[in-house]
């Protein structure tokens, strides 16, 4: 029995565990956490099978913003949640937006990238038959508005898909309800975890911060992300996991 038995930490990667480089103190803290019975994984916008391996998670990874769950140890995709046919109409509604540069469709056979108004994008939308996990819309210029998903985009997506942003240069759509929050809830149930801790920094992490028993925003997160978190920890460059474990250990001692 370890002191962290039953605790599951799900962390975003870029801007959370990684800040210009992977923070070595996170490696040491996560190894200590897992050695003491804790469960750790990534919840990322990347493809799960391509998740960075600075520290090997000991439970499956949530990838593509919550659209898949992948076991790195066995190389097996355990679950996936893709769009139905609604993705075609959603994509058609954005191919003419003047503020967009490219649209990227994530499927089993890799990303399909098109410039907006490229005639080939219309053919792809009309004829592609494979599964679509998510659609990424990339701006021509970085947005400075803290509401990185424009209100009119959220309005179009209401009741049709889940939409979020993982960078100032883009917004992303996944199947309705299949966001990071859904992914971490699935993992909590699958692992039998008694306490779910999530850590993030960006708009795309908000759903998992809400789903967590304790949601942490890093200090470098935007103010609106911090408002959604239960707690705010240190800047990502300072090694967030060590500080979160200090919180947990203090709470464990206080209950004795």
C-alpha atoms as a PDB file:
ATOM      1  CA  UNK A   1       0.000   0.000   0.000  1.00  0.00           C
ATOM      2  CA  UNK A   2       1.332   3.410  -0.968  1.00  0.00           C
ATOM      3  CA  UNK A   3       0.404   6.828   0.354  1.00  0.00           C
ATOM      4  CA  UNK A   4      -1.114   7.813  -3.039  1.00  0.00           C
ATOM      5  CA  UNK A   5      -3.247   4.699  -3.618  1.00  0.00           C
ATOM      6  CA  UNK A   6      -6.516   5.567  -5.360  1.00  0.00           C
ATOM      7  CA  UNK A   7      -5.333   8.971  -6.628  1.00  0.00           C
ATOM      8  CA  UNK A   8      -5.336   9.642 -10.371  1.00  0.00           C
ATOM      9  CA  UNK A   9      -3.508  12.665 -11.823  1.00  0.00           C
ATOM     10  CA  UNK A  10      -4.415  13.616 -15.402  1.00  0.00           C
ATOM     11  CA  UNK A  11      -2.273  16.415 -16.789  1.00  0.00           C
ATOM     12  CA  UNK A  12      -2.125  18.431 -19.941  1.00  0.00           C
ATOM     13  CA  UNK A  13       1.348  18.473 -21.522  1.00  0.00           C
ATOM     14  CA  UNK A  14       2.200  21.690 -23.375  1.00  0.00           C
ATOM     15  CA  UNK A  15       2.293  24.661 -21.026  1.00  0.00           C
ATOM     16  CA  UNK A  16       1.733  22.418 -18.013  1.00  0.00           C
ATOM     17  CA  UNK A  17       4.330  19.630 -17.740  1.00  0.00           C
ATOM     18  CA  UNK A  18       6.339  21.053 -20.632  1.00  0.00           C
ATOM     19  CA  UNK A  19       7.415  24.694 -20.789  1.00  0.00           C
ATOM     20  CA  UNK A  20      10.066  25.220 -23.472  1.00  0.00           C
ATOM     21  CA  UNK A  21      11.498  21.965 -22.112  1.00  0.00           C
ATOM     22  CA  UNK A  22      10.284  19.104 -19.945  1.00  0.00           C
ATOM     23  CA  UNK A  23      10.816  20.127 -16.330  1.00  0.00           C
ATOM     24  CA  UNK A  24      13.075  17.586 -14.623  1.00  0.00           C
ATOM     25  CA  UNK A  25      11.437  18.017 -11.219  1.00  0.00           C
ATOM     26  CA  UNK A  26       8.195  16.760 -12.790  1.00  0.00           C
ATOM     27  CA  UNK A  27       9.964  13.543 -13.842  1.00  0.00           C
ATOM     28  CA  UNK A  28      11.195  12.933 -10.320  1.00  0.00           C
ATOM     29  CA  UNK A  29       7.891  13.872  -8.675  1.00  0.00           C
ATOM     30  CA  UNK A  30       5.807  11.701 -10.997  1.00  0.00           C
ATOM     31  CA  UNK A  31       8.061   8.693 -10.503  1.00  0.00           C
ATOM     32  CA  UNK A  32       7.781   9.141  -6.720  1.00  0.00           C
ATOM     33  CA  UNK A  33       3.998   9.498  -7.032  1.00  0.00           C
ATOM     34  CA  UNK A  34       3.663   6.276  -9.042  1.00  0.00           C
ATOM     35  CA  UNK A  35       6.100   4.376  -6.805  1.00  0.00           C
ATOM     36  CA  UNK A  36       3.795   5.273  -3.901  1.00  0.00           C
ATOM     37  CA  UNK A  37       0.720   3.823  -5.620  1.00  0.00           C
ATOM     38  CA  UNK A  38      -0.484   6.863  -7.555  1.00  0.00           C
ATOM     39  CA  UNK A  39      -1.867   6.712 -11.090  1.00  0.00           C
ATOM     40  CA  UNK A  40      -0.659   9.199 -13.683  1.00  0.00           C
ATOM     41  CA  UNK A  41      -1.462   9.926 -17.296  1.00  0.00           C
ATOM     42  CA  UNK A  42      -1.621  12.640 -19.925  1.00  0.00           C
ATOM     43  CA  UNK A  43      -4.778  14.222 -21.283  1.00  0.00           C
ATOM     44  CA  UNK A  44      -3.646  15.912 -24.458  1.00  0.00           C
ATOM     45  CA  UNK A  45      -4.763  17.340 -27.761  1.00  0.00           C
ATOM     46  CA  UNK A  46      -2.110  15.236 -29.486  1.00  0.00           C
ATOM     47  CA  UNK A  47      -2.661  11.742 -30.840  1.00  0.00           C
ATOM     48  CA  UNK A  48      -2.352   9.503 -27.804  1.00  0.00           C
ATOM     49  CA  UNK A  49       0.044   7.035 -29.425  1.00  0.00           C
ATOM     50  CA  UNK A  50       2.404   9.963 -30.071  1.00  0.00           C
ATOM     51  CA  UNK A  51       2.247  11.215 -26.497  1.00  0.00           C
ATOM     52  CA  UNK A  52       5.629  12.431 -25.170  1.00  0.00           C
ATOM     53  CA  UNK A  53       7.352   9.835 -22.998  1.00  0.00           C
ATOM     54  CA  UNK A  54       9.424  11.927 -20.609  1.00  0.00           C
ATOM     55  CA  UNK A  55       7.632   9.865 -17.961  1.00  0.00           C
ATOM     56  CA  UNK A  56       5.792   6.666 -18.890  1.00  0.00           C
ATOM     57  CA  UNK A  57       2.185   6.901 -17.629  1.00  0.00           C
ATOM     58  CA  UNK A  58       0.976   3.881 -15.690  1.00  0.00           C
ATOM     59  CA  UNK A  59      -2.616   4.173 -16.939  1.00  0.00           C
ATOM     60  CA  UNK A  60      -3.930   4.790 -20.484  1.00  0.00           C
ATOM     61  CA  UNK A  61      -3.562   8.190 -22.162  1.00  0.00           C
ATOM     62  CA  UNK A  62      -6.466  10.415 -23.246  1.00  0.00           C
ATOM     63  CA  UNK A  63      -5.698  11.826 -26.687  1.00  0.00           C
ATOM     64  CA  UNK A  64      -7.099  14.153 -29.329  1.00  0.00           C
ATOM     65  CA  UNK A  65      -8.874  16.360 -26.784  1.00  0.00           C
ATOM     66  CA  UNK A  66     -10.828  13.454 -25.315  1.00  0.00           C
ATOM     67  CA  UNK A  67     -11.673  11.594 -28.532  1.00  0.00           C
ATOM     68  CA  UNK A  68      -9.605   8.505 -27.741  1.00  0.00           C
ATOM     69  CA  UNK A  69      -8.073   6.466 -24.936  1.00  0.00           C
ATOM     70  CA  UNK A  70      -4.848   4.627 -25.748  1.00  0.00           C
ATOM     71  CA  UNK A  71      -2.752   2.144 -23.764  1.00  0.00           C
ATOM     72  CA  UNK A  72       0.886   2.984 -24.491  1.00  0.00           C
ATOM     73  CA  UNK A  73       2.106  -0.165 -22.742  1.00  0.00           C
ATOM     74  CA  UNK A  74       0.309  -2.470 -25.171  1.00  0.00           C
ATOM     75  CA  UNK A  75      -0.038  -0.160 -28.178  1.00  0.00           C
ATOM     76  CA  UNK A  76      -3.822  -0.574 -28.076  1.00  0.00           C
ATOM     77  CA  UNK A  77      -6.541   1.975 -28.683  1.00  0.00           C
ATOM     78  CA  UNK A  78      -9.047   1.125 -25.960  1.00  0.00           C
ATOM     79  CA  UNK A  79     -11.823   3.558 -26.855  1.00  0.00           C
ATOM     80  CA  UNK A  80     -12.578   6.138 -29.507  1.00  0.00           C
ATOM     81  CA  UNK A  81     -15.389   8.575 -30.055  1.00  0.00           C
ATOM     82  CA  UNK A  82     -15.680  10.068 -33.527  1.00  0.00           C
ATOM     83  CA  UNK A  83     -18.045  12.384 -35.361  1.00  0.00           C
ATOM     84  CA  UNK A  84     -21.080  11.121 -37.174  1.00  0.00           C
ATOM     85  CA  UNK A  85     -22.003  12.635 -40.513  1.00  0.00           C
ATOM     86  CA  UNK A  86     -22.543  16.030 -38.872  1.00  0.00           C
ATOM     87  CA  UNK A  87     -18.861  16.878 -39.340  1.00  0.00           C
ATOM     88  CA  UNK A  88     -19.471  17.562 -43.019  1.00  0.00           C
ATOM     89  CA  UNK A  89     -21.983  20.365 -42.440  1.00  0.00           C
ATOM     90  CA  UNK A  90     -19.880  21.792 -39.617  1.00  0.00           C
ATOM     91  CA  UNK A  91     -16.815  21.964 -41.853  1.00  0.00           C
ATOM     92  CA  UNK A  92     -18.751  23.417 -44.795  1.00  0.00           C
ATOM     93  CA  UNK A  93     -19.835  26.268 -42.564  1.00  0.00           C
ATOM     94  CA  UNK A  94     -16.237  27.432 -42.057  1.00  0.00           C
ATOM     95  CA  UNK A  95     -14.431  26.871 -45.360  1.00  0.00           C
ATOM     96  CA  UNK A  96     -15.127  30.450 -46.478  1.00  0.00           C
ATOM     97  CA  UNK A  97     -14.137  32.295 -43.276  1.00  0.00           C
ATOM     98  CA  UNK A  98     -11.707  35.064 -44.148  1.00  0.00           C
ATOM     99  CA  UNK A  99      -9.856  34.877 -40.814  1.00  0.00           C
ATOM    100  CA  UNK A 100      -8.900  31.229 -41.326  1.00  0.00           C
ATOM    101  CA  UNK A 101      -5.816  29.968 -43.119  1.00  0.00           C
ATOM    102  CA  UNK A 102      -6.137  26.168 -42.978  1.00  0.00           C
ATOM    103  CA  UNK A 103      -8.428  23.382 -41.803  1.00  0.00           C
ATOM    104  CA  UNK A 104      -7.054  20.054 -40.583  1.00  0.00           C
ATOM    105  CA  UNK A 105      -9.102  16.856 -40.284  1.00  0.00           C
ATOM    106  CA  UNK A 106      -7.786  14.177 -37.897  1.00  0.00           C
ATOM    107  CA  UNK A 107      -8.572  10.607 -38.934  1.00  0.00           C
ATOM    108  CA  UNK A 108      -7.120   7.101 -38.638  1.00  0.00           C
ATOM    109  CA  UNK A 109      -4.861   7.609 -41.644  1.00  0.00           C
ATOM    110  CA  UNK A 110      -3.351  10.814 -40.325  1.00  0.00           C
ATOM    111  CA  UNK A 111      -4.132  14.510 -40.608  1.00  0.00           C
ATOM    112  CA  UNK A 112      -5.677  15.825 -43.830  1.00  0.00           C
ATOM    113  CA  UNK A 113      -4.670  19.489 -44.252  1.00  0.00           C
ATOM    114  CA  UNK A 114      -6.204  21.991 -46.651  1.00  0.00           C
ATOM    115  CA  UNK A 115      -6.001  25.709 -47.242  1.00  0.00           C
ATOM    116  CA  UNK A 116      -9.385  27.362 -46.996  1.00  0.00           C
ATOM    117  CA  UNK A 117     -11.029  27.816 -50.385  1.00  0.00           C
ATOM    118  CA  UNK A 118      -8.833  25.076 -51.877  1.00  0.00           C
ATOM    119  CA  UNK A 119     -11.196  23.179 -54.217  1.00  0.00           C
ATOM    120  CA  UNK A 120      -9.794  19.924 -52.820  1.00  0.00           C
ATOM    121  CA  UNK A 121     -11.312  20.621 -49.413  1.00  0.00           C
ATOM    122  CA  UNK A 122     -14.817  20.529 -50.850  1.00  0.00           C
ATOM    123  CA  UNK A 123     -14.122  17.166 -52.467  1.00  0.00           C
ATOM    124  CA  UNK A 124     -12.714  15.827 -49.188  1.00  0.00           C
ATOM    125  CA  UNK A 125     -15.769  16.942 -47.223  1.00  0.00           C
ATOM    126  CA  UNK A 126     -18.118  15.403 -49.782  1.00  0.00           C
ATOM    127  CA  UNK A 127     -16.360  12.083 -50.339  1.00  0.00           C
ATOM    128  CA  UNK A 128     -14.184  11.093 -47.354  1.00  0.00           C
ATOM    129  CA  UNK A 129     -15.536   7.935 -45.697  1.00  0.00           C
ATOM    130  CA  UNK A 130     -13.167   7.389 -42.768  1.00  0.00           C
ATOM    131  CA  UNK A 131     -13.753   8.362 -39.148  1.00  0.00           C
ATOM    132  CA  UNK A 132     -13.092  11.955 -38.097  1.00  0.00           C
ATOM    133  CA  UNK A 133     -11.842  12.446 -34.535  1.00  0.00           C
ATOM    134  CA  UNK A 134     -11.485  16.198 -34.563  1.00  0.00           C
ATOM    135  CA  UNK A 135     -11.269  19.208 -36.858  1.00  0.00           C
ATOM    136  CA  UNK A 136      -8.684  21.957 -36.306  1.00  0.00           C
ATOM    137  CA  UNK A 137      -9.262  25.454 -37.697  1.00  0.00           C
ATOM    138  CA  UNK A 138      -6.097  27.559 -37.940  1.00  0.00           C
ATOM    139  CA  UNK A 139      -6.166  31.358 -38.047  1.00  0.00           C
ATOM    140  CA  UNK A 140      -4.149  33.526 -40.410  1.00  0.00           C
ATOM    141  CA  UNK A 141      -2.921  35.594 -37.448  1.00  0.00           C
ATOM    142  CA  UNK A 142      -2.759  34.888 -33.720  1.00  0.00           C
ATOM    143  CA  UNK A 143      -5.772  35.978 -31.706  1.00  0.00           C
ATOM    144  CA  UNK A 144      -5.187  38.298 -28.771  1.00  0.00           C
ATOM    145  CA  UNK A 145      -8.766  38.080 -27.533  1.00  0.00           C
ATOM    146  CA  UNK A 146      -8.820  35.907 -24.368  1.00  0.00           C
ATOM    147  CA  UNK A 147     -12.020  34.340 -25.723  1.00  0.00           C
ATOM    148  CA  UNK A 148     -10.058  32.239 -28.179  1.00  0.00           C
ATOM    149  CA  UNK A 149     -13.171  30.564 -29.549  1.00  0.00           C
ATOM    150  CA  UNK A 150     -15.262  33.408 -31.012  1.00  0.00           C
ATOM    151  CA  UNK A 151     -18.827  33.645 -29.649  1.00  0.00           C
ATOM    152  CA  UNK A 152     -20.311  33.122 -33.111  1.00  0.00           C
ATOM    153  CA  UNK A 153     -18.379  29.828 -33.416  1.00  0.00           C
ATOM    154  CA  UNK A 154     -19.665  28.626 -30.046  1.00  0.00           C
ATOM    155  CA  UNK A 155     -23.183  29.517 -31.177  1.00  0.00           C
ATOM    156  CA  UNK A 156     -22.834  27.433 -34.357  1.00  0.00           C
ATOM    157  CA  UNK A 157     -21.469  24.502 -32.332  1.00  0.00           C
ATOM    158  CA  UNK A 158     -24.156  24.607 -29.623  1.00  0.00           C
ATOM    159  CA  UNK A 159     -25.790  21.174 -29.434  1.00  0.00           C
ATOM    160  CA  UNK A 160     -23.807  19.925 -32.452  1.00  0.00           C
ATOM    161  CA  UNK A 161     -20.221  19.418 -31.257  1.00  0.00           C
ATOM    162  CA  UNK A 162     -17.787  20.362 -28.513  1.00  0.00           C
ATOM    163  CA  UNK A 163     -15.454  23.235 -29.340  1.00  0.00           C
ATOM    164  CA  UNK A 164     -12.317  24.477 -27.596  1.00  0.00           C
ATOM    165  CA  UNK A 165      -8.993  26.179 -28.265  1.00  0.00           C
ATOM    166  CA  UNK A 166      -5.540  24.778 -27.534  1.00  0.00           C
ATOM    167  CA  UNK A 167      -3.557  27.737 -28.838  1.00  0.00           C
ATOM    168  CA  UNK A 168      -3.876  31.358 -29.915  1.00  0.00           C
ATOM    169  CA  UNK A 169      -3.629  30.217 -33.527  1.00  0.00           C
ATOM    170  CA  UNK A 170      -6.593  27.823 -33.611  1.00  0.00           C
ATOM    171  CA  UNK A 171      -9.847  26.331 -32.376  1.00  0.00           C
ATOM    172  CA  UNK A 172     -10.904  22.688 -32.506  1.00  0.00           C
ATOM    173  CA  UNK A 173     -14.107  20.660 -32.748  1.00  0.00           C
ATOM    174  CA  UNK A 174     -14.765  17.125 -31.486  1.00  0.00           C
ATOM    175  CA  UNK A 175     -17.944  15.081 -31.302  1.00  0.00           C
ATOM    176  CA  UNK A 176     -20.541  16.486 -28.918  1.00  0.00           C
ATOM    177  CA  UNK A 177     -19.564  15.816 -25.296  1.00  0.00           C
ATOM    178  CA  UNK A 178     -16.346  13.995 -26.228  1.00  0.00           C
ATOM    179  CA  UNK A 179     -13.933  16.498 -24.699  1.00  0.00           C
ATOM    180  CA  UNK A 180     -11.151  16.133 -22.140  1.00  0.00           C
ATOM    181  CA  UNK A 181     -13.706  16.144 -19.332  1.00  0.00           C
ATOM    182  CA  UNK A 182     -15.377  13.085 -20.817  1.00  0.00           C
ATOM    183  CA  UNK A 183     -11.991  11.386 -21.218  1.00  0.00           C
ATOM    184  CA  UNK A 184     -10.902  11.847 -17.601  1.00  0.00           C
ATOM    185  CA  UNK A 185     -14.298  10.754 -16.249  1.00  0.00           C
ATOM    186  CA  UNK A 186     -13.955   7.588 -18.331  1.00  0.00           C
ATOM    187  CA  UNK A 187     -10.485   6.968 -16.882  1.00  0.00           C
ATOM    188  CA  UNK A 188     -11.628   7.553 -13.319  1.00  0.00           C
ATOM    189  CA  UNK A 189     -14.320   4.925 -13.753  1.00  0.00           C
ATOM    190  CA  UNK A 190     -12.011   2.502 -15.574  1.00  0.00           C
ATOM    191  CA  UNK A 191      -9.249   2.727 -12.960  1.00  0.00           C
ATOM    192  CA  UNK A 192     -11.523   2.874  -9.923  1.00  0.00           C
ATOM    193  CA  UNK A 193      -9.738   6.015  -8.735  1.00  0.00           C
ATOM    194  CA  UNK A 194     -11.182   7.599  -5.611  1.00  0.00           C
ATOM    195  CA  UNK A 195      -9.695  11.049  -6.256  1.00  0.00           C
ATOM    196  CA  UNK A 196      -9.246  12.635  -9.690  1.00  0.00           C
ATOM    197  CA  UNK A 197      -6.794  15.535  -9.953  1.00  0.00           C
ATOM    198  CA  UNK A 198      -6.497  17.387 -13.275  1.00  0.00           C
ATOM    199  CA  UNK A 199      -3.925  19.998 -14.248  1.00  0.00           C
ATOM    200  CA  UNK A 200      -4.083  22.371 -17.215  1.00  0.00           C
ATOM    201  CA  UNK A 201      -3.400  25.795 -18.634  1.00  0.00           C
ATOM    202  CA  UNK A 202      -5.668  26.494 -21.602  1.00  0.00           C
ATOM    203  CA  UNK A 203      -9.233  26.697 -22.845  1.00  0.00           C
ATOM    204  CA  UNK A 204      -9.150  23.065 -23.998  1.00  0.00           C
ATOM    205  CA  UNK A 205      -8.418  21.976 -20.417  1.00  0.00           C
ATOM    206  CA  UNK A 206     -11.449  23.623 -18.829  1.00  0.00           C
ATOM    207  CA  UNK A 207     -13.743  20.617 -19.279  1.00  0.00           C
ATOM    208  CA  UNK A 208     -11.339  18.351 -17.378  1.00  0.00           C
ATOM    209  CA  UNK A 209     -10.784  20.921 -14.631  1.00  0.00           C
ATOM    210  CA  UNK A 210     -14.561  20.947 -14.153  1.00  0.00           C
ATOM    211  CA  UNK A 211     -14.702  17.141 -14.179  1.00  0.00           C
ATOM    212  CA  UNK A 212     -11.940  16.767 -11.583  1.00  0.00           C
ATOM    213  CA  UNK A 213     -12.400  16.348  -7.866  1.00  0.00           C
ATOM    214  CA  UNK A 214      -9.580  18.889  -7.656  1.00  0.00           C
ATOM    215  CA  UNK A 215      -8.753  20.968 -10.725  1.00  0.00           C
ATOM    216  CA  UNK A 216      -5.443  22.844 -10.809  1.00  0.00           C
ATOM    217  CA  UNK A 217      -4.567  25.670 -13.187  1.00  0.00           C
ATOM    218  CA  UNK A 218      -0.907  26.550 -13.558  1.00  0.00           C
ATOM    219  CA  UNK A 219       0.068  30.132 -12.800  1.00  0.00           C
ATOM    220  CA  UNK A 220       0.823  30.780 -16.475  1.00  0.00           C
ATOM    221  CA  UNK A 221      -2.774  29.936 -17.410  1.00  0.00           C
ATOM    222  CA  UNK A 222      -5.143  32.627 -18.606  1.00  0.00           C
ATOM    223  CA  UNK A 223      -7.292  34.316 -15.977  1.00  0.00           C
ATOM    224  CA  UNK A 224     -10.479  32.727 -17.318  1.00  0.00           C
ATOM    225  CA  UNK A 225      -8.904  29.247 -16.975  1.00  0.00           C
ATOM    226  CA  UNK A 226      -7.829  30.042 -13.416  1.00  0.00           C
ATOM    227  CA  UNK A 227     -11.401  31.016 -12.576  1.00  0.00           C
ATOM    228  CA  UNK A 228     -12.567  27.544 -13.621  1.00  0.00           C
ATOM    229  CA  UNK A 229      -9.995  25.768 -11.429  1.00  0.00           C
ATOM    230  CA  UNK A 230     -10.349  24.830  -7.782  1.00  0.00           C
ATOM    231  CA  UNK A 231      -6.746  25.804  -7.149  1.00  0.00           C
ATOM    232  CA  UNK A 232      -3.935  27.704  -8.834  1.00  0.00           C
ATOM    233  CA  UNK A 233      -0.434  26.261  -8.514  1.00  0.00           C
ATOM    234  CA  UNK A 234       2.976  27.533  -9.595  1.00  0.00           C
ATOM    235  CA  UNK A 235       4.123  28.509 -13.096  1.00  0.00           C
ATOM    236  CA  UNK A 236       4.803  25.501 -15.335  1.00  0.00           C
ATOM    237  CA  UNK A 237       8.537  26.256 -15.453  1.00  0.00           C
ATOM    238  CA  UNK A 238       8.730  25.695 -11.667  1.00  0.00           C
ATOM    239  CA  UNK A 239       7.621  22.052 -11.834  1.00  0.00           C
ATOM    240  CA  UNK A 240       3.933  21.838 -10.988  1.00  0.00           C
ATOM    241  CA  UNK A 241       3.746  18.179  -9.949  1.00  0.00           C
ATOM    242  CA  UNK A 242       6.134  18.570  -7.019  1.00  0.00           C
ATOM    243  CA  UNK A 243       3.998  21.393  -5.647  1.00  0.00           C
ATOM    244  CA  UNK A 244       0.740  19.500  -6.170  1.00  0.00           C
ATOM    245  CA  UNK A 245       2.164  16.469  -4.339  1.00  0.00           C
ATOM    246  CA  UNK A 246       3.145  18.724  -1.455  1.00  0.00           C
ATOM    247  CA  UNK A 247      -0.506  19.819  -1.231  1.00  0.00           C
ATOM    248  CA  UNK A 248      -1.714  16.216  -1.278  1.00  0.00           C
ATOM    249  CA  UNK A 249       0.778  15.076   1.358  1.00  0.00           C
ATOM    250  CA  UNK A 250      -0.204  17.937   3.649  1.00  0.00           C
ATOM    251  CA  UNK A 251      -3.865  16.961   3.326  1.00  0.00           C
ATOM    252  CA  UNK A 252      -3.058  13.306   4.002  1.00  0.00           C
ATOM    253  CA  UNK A 253      -1.135  14.274   7.170  1.00  0.00           C
ATOM    254  CA  UNK A 254      -3.943  16.544   8.332  1.00  0.00           C
ATOM    255  CA  UNK A 255      -6.420  13.646   8.206  1.00  0.00           C
ATOM    256  CA  UNK A 256      -4.313  11.400  10.425  1.00  0.00           C
END
